[in-house]
Amino acid sequence: VIVIIDECDFLKLNPLLYRFICWSSRREQYSLTFPNFYRFGDQEIFINSSFRLIFNFRQIDQI
């Protein structure tokens, strides 16, 4: 299963997405060949680059 996360998903956080975001913020990428892929449990998750920029901005903004 591949889950694609974008800005709209970020605004509607569900428990799985929230846990994934916390986990991915302290985890290396799935592979250097595919830097936007992460393995989370039994799912492979793709994060588009605009989502990652928004997520990083919000993390910094909360500090």
PDB file of N, CA and C in Angstrom:
ATOM      1  N   VAL A   1       0.853  -1.185   0.000  1.00  0.00           N
ATOM      2  CA  VAL A   1       0.000   0.000   0.000  1.00  0.00           C
ATOM      3  C   VAL A   1       0.887   1.231   0.000  1.00  0.00           C
ATOM      4  N   ILE A   2       0.623   2.158  -0.873  1.00  0.00           N
ATOM      5  CA  ILE A   2       1.355   3.426  -0.893  1.00  0.00           C
ATOM      6  C   ILE A   2       0.376   4.543  -0.555  1.00  0.00           C
ATOM      7  N   VAL A   3       0.728   5.340   0.428  1.00  0.00           N
ATOM      8  CA  VAL A   3      -0.100   6.463   0.847  1.00  0.00           C
ATOM      9  C   VAL A   3       0.599   7.733   0.401  1.00  0.00           C
ATOM     10  N   ILE A   4      -0.121   8.605  -0.278  1.00  0.00           N
ATOM     11  CA  ILE A   4       0.458   9.877  -0.701  1.00  0.00           C
ATOM     12  C   ILE A   4      -0.057  10.956   0.240  1.00  0.00           C
ATOM     13  N   ILE A   5       0.884  11.660   0.859  1.00  0.00           N
ATOM     14  CA  ILE A   5       0.522  12.694   1.820  1.00  0.00           C
ATOM     15  C   ILE A   5       0.778  14.051   1.191  1.00  0.00           C
ATOM     16  N   ASP A   6      -0.206  14.922   1.267  1.00  0.00           N
ATOM     17  CA  ASP A   6      -0.007  16.279   0.766  1.00  0.00           C
ATOM     18  C   ASP A   6      -0.545  17.282   1.780  1.00  0.00           C
ATOM     19  N   GLU A   7      -0.607  18.551   1.383  1.00  0.00           N
ATOM     20  CA  GLU A   7      -1.000  19.600   2.309  1.00  0.00           C
ATOM     21  C   GLU A   7      -2.407  19.391   2.860  1.00  0.00           C
ATOM     22  N   CYS A   8      -3.334  18.929   2.029  1.00  0.00           N
ATOM     23  CA  CYS A   8      -4.714  18.734   2.480  1.00  0.00           C
ATOM     24  C   CYS A   8      -4.769  17.697   3.598  1.00  0.00           C
ATOM     25  N   ASP A   9      -3.999  16.611   3.465  1.00  0.00           N
ATOM     26  CA  ASP A   9      -3.964  15.590   4.506  1.00  0.00           C
ATOM     27  C   ASP A   9      -3.419  16.165   5.804  1.00  0.00           C
ATOM     28  N   PHE A  10      -2.432  17.035   5.697  1.00  0.00           N
ATOM     29  CA  PHE A  10      -1.812  17.601   6.893  1.00  0.00           C
ATOM     30  C   PHE A  10      -2.818  18.407   7.693  1.00  0.00           C
ATOM     31  N   LEU A  11      -3.735  19.074   7.000  1.00  0.00           N
ATOM     32  CA  LEU A  11      -4.724  19.901   7.691  1.00  0.00           C
ATOM     33  C   LEU A  11      -5.809  19.063   8.353  1.00  0.00           C
ATOM     34  N   LYS A  12      -5.926  17.791   7.977  1.00  0.00           N
ATOM     35  CA  LYS A  12      -6.932  16.899   8.563  1.00  0.00           C
ATOM     36  C   LYS A  12      -6.212  15.724   9.211  1.00  0.00           C
ATOM     37  N   LEU A  13      -5.477  15.989  10.275  1.00  0.00           N
ATOM     38  CA  LEU A  13      -4.667  14.936  10.895  1.00  0.00           C
ATOM     39  C   LEU A  13      -5.544  13.845  11.497  1.00  0.00           C
ATOM     40  N   ASN A  14      -5.256  12.612  11.132  1.00  0.00           N
ATOM     41  CA  ASN A  14      -5.885  11.478  11.802  1.00  0.00           C
ATOM     42  C   ASN A  14      -4.792  10.776  12.606  1.00  0.00           C
ATOM     43  N   PRO A  15      -5.149   9.862  13.500  1.00  0.00           N
ATOM     44  CA  PRO A  15      -4.132   9.252  14.373  1.00  0.00           C
ATOM     45  C   PRO A  15      -2.979   8.589  13.616  1.00  0.00           C
ATOM     46  N   LEU A  16      -3.266   7.871  12.525  1.00  0.00           N
ATOM     47  CA  LEU A  16      -2.193   7.228  11.760  1.00  0.00           C
ATOM     48  C   LEU A  16      -1.259   8.276  11.171  1.00  0.00           C
ATOM     49  N   LEU A  17      -1.824   9.311  10.583  1.00  0.00           N
ATOM     50  CA  LEU A  17      -1.005  10.353   9.976  1.00  0.00           C
ATOM     51  C   LEU A  17      -0.187  11.082  11.031  1.00  0.00           C
ATOM     52  N   TYR A  18      -0.783  11.358  12.177  1.00  0.00           N
ATOM     53  CA  TYR A  18      -0.053  12.040  13.250  1.00  0.00           C
ATOM     54  C   TYR A  18       1.129  11.194  13.725  1.00  0.00           C
ATOM     55  N   ARG A  19       0.896   9.888  13.946  1.00  0.00           N
ATOM     56  CA  ARG A  19       1.985   9.001  14.374  1.00  0.00           C
ATOM     57  C   ARG A  19       3.075   8.932  13.309  1.00  0.00           C
ATOM     58  N   PHE A  20       2.661   8.873  12.032  1.00  0.00           N
ATOM     59  CA  PHE A  20       3.649   8.822  10.962  1.00  0.00           C
ATOM     60  C   PHE A  20       4.496  10.089  10.936  1.00  0.00           C
ATOM     61  N   ILE A  21       3.869  11.247  11.086  1.00  0.00           N
ATOM     62  CA  ILE A  21       4.616  12.507  11.049  1.00  0.00           C
ATOM     63  C   ILE A  21       5.626  12.553  12.184  1.00  0.00           C
ATOM     64  N   CYS A  22       5.216  12.170  13.377  1.00  0.00           N
ATOM     65  CA  CYS A  22       6.146  12.153  14.514  1.00  0.00           C
ATOM     66  C   CYS A  22       7.302  11.202  14.236  1.00  0.00           C
ATOM     67  N   TRP A  23       6.980  10.030  13.703  1.00  0.00           N
ATOM     68  CA  TRP A  23       7.997   9.018  13.415  1.00  0.00           C
ATOM     69  C   TRP A  23       8.933   9.485  12.302  1.00  0.00           C
ATOM     70  N   SER A  24       8.389  10.041  11.227  1.00  0.00           N
ATOM     71  CA  SER A  24       9.218  10.400  10.070  1.00  0.00           C
ATOM     72  C   SER A  24      10.116  11.586  10.359  1.00  0.00           C
ATOM     73  N   SER A  25       9.744  12.406  11.331  1.00  0.00           N
ATOM     74  CA  SER A  25      10.570  13.575  11.628  1.00  0.00           C
ATOM     75  C   SER A  25      11.898  13.173  12.256  1.00  0.00           C
ATOM     76  N   ARG A  26      11.988  11.942  12.804  1.00  0.00           N
ATOM     77  CA  ARG A  26      13.250  11.503  13.397  1.00  0.00           C
ATOM     78  C   ARG A  26      13.761  10.226  12.738  1.00  0.00           C
ATOM     79  N   ARG A  27      13.433  10.045  11.481  1.00  0.00           N
ATOM     80  CA  ARG A  27      13.800   8.826  10.751  1.00  0.00           C
ATOM     81  C   ARG A  27      14.470   9.195   9.433  1.00  0.00           C
ATOM     82  N   GLU A  28      15.407   8.373   9.013  1.00  0.00           N
ATOM     83  CA  GLU A  28      16.037   8.586   7.710  1.00  0.00           C
ATOM     84  C   GLU A  28      15.058   8.201   6.600  1.00  0.00           C
ATOM     85  N   GLN A  29      15.319   8.706   5.411  1.00  0.00           N
ATOM     86  CA  GLN A  29      14.477   8.361   4.275  1.00  0.00           C
ATOM     87  C   GLN A  29      14.545   6.865   3.982  1.00  0.00           C
ATOM     88  N   TYR A  30      13.508   6.387   3.321  1.00  0.00           N
ATOM     89  CA  TYR A  30      13.400   4.973   2.949  1.00  0.00           C
ATOM     90  C   TYR A  30      14.595   4.540   2.117  1.00  0.00           C
ATOM     91  N   SER A  31      15.042   5.389   1.225  1.00  0.00           N
ATOM     92  CA  SER A  31      16.174   5.056   0.353  1.00  0.00           C
ATOM     93  C   SER A  31      16.688   6.340  -0.278  1.00  0.00           C
ATOM     94  N   LEU A  32      17.992   6.421  -0.491  1.00  0.00           N
ATOM     95  CA  LEU A  32      18.529   7.610  -1.151  1.00  0.00           C
ATOM     96  C   LEU A  32      18.062   7.698  -2.599  1.00  0.00           C
ATOM     97  N   THR A  33      17.726   6.551  -3.184  1.00  0.00           N
ATOM     98  CA  THR A  33      17.223   6.545  -4.552  1.00  0.00           C
ATOM     99  C   THR A  33      15.837   7.170  -4.630  1.00  0.00           C
ATOM    100  N   PHE A  34      15.029   6.937  -3.597  1.00  0.00           N
ATOM    101  CA  PHE A  34      13.669   7.482  -3.533  1.00  0.00           C
ATOM    102  C   PHE A  34      13.532   8.285  -2.240  1.00  0.00           C
ATOM    103  N   PRO A  35      14.063   9.504  -2.200  1.00  0.00           N
ATOM    104  CA  PRO A  35      14.133  10.239  -0.930  1.00  0.00           C
ATOM    105  C   PRO A  35      12.782  10.628  -0.341  1.00  0.00           C
ATOM    106  N   ASN A  36      11.707  10.561  -1.119  1.00  0.00           N
ATOM    107  CA  ASN A  36      10.396  10.915  -0.579  1.00  0.00           C
ATOM    108  C   ASN A  36       9.604   9.705  -0.105  1.00  0.00           C
ATOM    109  N   PHE A  37      10.209   8.509  -0.156  1.00  0.00           N
ATOM    110  CA  PHE A  37       9.520   7.307   0.298  1.00  0.00           C
ATOM    111  C   PHE A  37       9.953   6.931   1.705  1.00  0.00           C
ATOM    112  N   TYR A  38       8.997   6.531   2.511  1.00  0.00           N
ATOM    113  CA  TYR A  38       9.263   6.024   3.855  1.00  0.00           C
ATOM    114  C   TYR A  38       8.509   4.719   4.021  1.00  0.00           C
ATOM    115  N   ARG A  39       9.073   3.810   4.803  1.00  0.00           N
ATOM    116  CA  ARG A  39       8.331   2.607   5.175  1.00  0.00           C
ATOM    117  C   ARG A  39       7.845   2.808   6.599  1.00  0.00           C
ATOM    118  N   PHE A  40       6.528   2.655   6.796  1.00  0.00           N
ATOM    119  CA  PHE A  40       5.903   2.870   8.102  1.00  0.00           C
ATOM    120  C   PHE A  40       4.977   1.697   8.364  1.00  0.00           C
ATOM    121  N   GLY A  41       5.393   0.787   9.262  1.00  0.00           N
ATOM    122  CA  GLY A  41       4.610  -0.428   9.460  1.00  0.00           C
ATOM    123  C   GLY A  41       4.618  -1.226   8.170  1.00  0.00           C
ATOM    124  N   ASP A  42       3.434  -1.576   7.678  1.00  0.00           N
ATOM    125  CA  ASP A  42       3.349  -2.355   6.439  1.00  0.00           C
ATOM    126  C   ASP A  42       3.026  -1.467   5.242  1.00  0.00           C
ATOM    127  N   GLN A  43       3.187  -0.161   5.400  1.00  0.00           N
ATOM    128  CA  GLN A  43       2.869   0.749   4.309  1.00  0.00           C
ATOM    129  C   GLN A  43       4.125   1.465   3.832  1.00  0.00           C
ATOM    130  N   GLU A  44       4.146   1.756   2.538  1.00  0.00           N
ATOM    131  CA  GLU A  44       5.167   2.637   1.989  1.00  0.00           C
ATOM    132  C   GLU A  44       4.487   3.976   1.760  1.00  0.00           C
ATOM    133  N   ILE A  45       5.096   5.020   2.251  1.00  0.00           N
ATOM    134  CA  ILE A  45       4.448   6.327   2.227  1.00  0.00           C
ATOM    135  C   ILE A  45       5.300   7.299   1.428  1.00  0.00           C
ATOM    136  N   PHE A  46       4.647   8.002   0.518  1.00  0.00           N
ATOM    137  CA  PHE A  46       5.317   9.015  -0.294  1.00  0.00           C
ATOM    138  C   PHE A  46       4.912  10.389   0.213  1.00  0.00           C
ATOM    139  N   ILE A  47       5.897  11.248   0.432  1.00  0.00           N
ATOM    140  CA  ILE A  47       5.618  12.619   0.844  1.00  0.00           C
ATOM    141  C   ILE A  47       6.082  13.533  -0.271  1.00  0.00           C
ATOM    142  N   ASN A  48       5.177  14.347  -0.796  1.00  0.00           N
ATOM    143  CA  ASN A  48       5.647  15.259  -1.836  1.00  0.00           C
ATOM    144  C   ASN A  48       6.432  16.398  -1.202  1.00  0.00           C
ATOM    145  N   SER A  49       7.275  17.035  -1.980  1.00  0.00           N
ATOM    146  CA  SER A  49       8.217  18.000  -1.417  1.00  0.00           C
ATOM    147  C   SER A  49       7.529  19.221  -0.839  1.00  0.00           C
ATOM    148  N   SER A  50       6.400  19.631  -1.394  1.00  0.00           N
ATOM    149  CA  SER A  50       5.717  20.793  -0.822  1.00  0.00           C
ATOM    150  C   SER A  50       5.163  20.461   0.555  1.00  0.00           C
ATOM    151  N   PHE A  51       4.711  19.226   0.767  1.00  0.00           N
ATOM    152  CA  PHE A  51       4.260  18.826   2.105  1.00  0.00           C
ATOM    153  C   PHE A  51       5.420  18.893   3.085  1.00  0.00           C
ATOM    154  N   ARG A  52       6.571  18.387   2.698  1.00  0.00           N
ATOM    155  CA  ARG A  52       7.728  18.375   3.600  1.00  0.00           C
ATOM    156  C   ARG A  52       8.123  19.804   3.960  1.00  0.00           C
ATOM    157  N   LEU A  53       8.063  20.716   3.000  1.00  0.00           N
ATOM    158  CA  LEU A  53       8.386  22.113   3.300  1.00  0.00           C
ATOM    159  C   LEU A  53       7.397  22.698   4.300  1.00  0.00           C
ATOM    160  N   ILE A  54       6.113  22.438   4.115  1.00  0.00           N
ATOM    161  CA  ILE A  54       5.101  22.946   5.050  1.00  0.00           C
ATOM    162  C   ILE A  54       5.297  22.325   6.424  1.00  0.00           C
ATOM    163  N   PHE A  55       5.565  21.029   6.478  1.00  0.00           N
ATOM    164  CA  PHE A  55       5.760  20.351   7.764  1.00  0.00           C
ATOM    165  C   PHE A  55       6.963  20.935   8.492  1.00  0.00           C
ATOM    166  N   ASN A  56       8.069  21.115   7.802  1.00  0.00           N
ATOM    167  CA  ASN A  56       9.253  21.688   8.431  1.00  0.00           C
ATOM    168  C   ASN A  56       8.989  23.107   8.909  1.00  0.00           C
ATOM    169  N   PHE A  57       8.267  23.886   8.125  1.00  0.00           N
ATOM    170  CA  PHE A  57       7.947  25.258   8.521  1.00  0.00           C
ATOM    171  C   PHE A  57       7.097  25.257   9.791  1.00  0.00           C
ATOM    172  N   ARG A  58       6.109  24.373   9.857  1.00  0.00           N
ATOM    173  CA  ARG A  58       5.238  24.335  11.035  1.00  0.00           C
ATOM    174  C   ARG A  58       6.006  23.874  12.260  1.00  0.00           C
ATOM    175  N   GLN A  59       6.929  22.938  12.103  1.00  0.00           N
ATOM    176  CA  GLN A  59       7.742  22.504  13.244  1.00  0.00           C
ATOM    177  C   GLN A  59       8.547  23.675  13.789  1.00  0.00           C
ATOM    178  N   ILE A  60       9.166  24.421  12.907  1.00  0.00           N
ATOM    179  CA  ILE A  60       9.974  25.563  13.329  1.00  0.00           C
ATOM    180  C   ILE A  60       9.085  26.627  13.956  1.00  0.00           C
ATOM    181  N   ASP A  61       7.918  26.842  13.365  1.00  0.00           N
ATOM    182  CA  ASP A  61       6.998  27.867  13.833  1.00  0.00           C
ATOM    183  C   ASP A  61       6.504  27.577  15.250  1.00  0.00           C
ATOM    184  N   GLN A  62       6.391  26.300  15.630  1.00  0.00           N
ATOM    185  CA  GLN A  62       5.877  25.937  16.954  1.00  0.00           C
ATOM    186  C   GLN A  62       6.923  26.096  18.045  1.00  0.00           C
ATOM    187  N   ILE A  63       8.188  26.180  17.706  1.00  0.00           N
ATOM    188  CA  ILE A  63       9.257  26.275  18.713  1.00  0.00           C
ATOM    189  C   ILE A  63       9.275  27.651  19.348  1.00  0.00           C
TER     190      ILE A  63
END
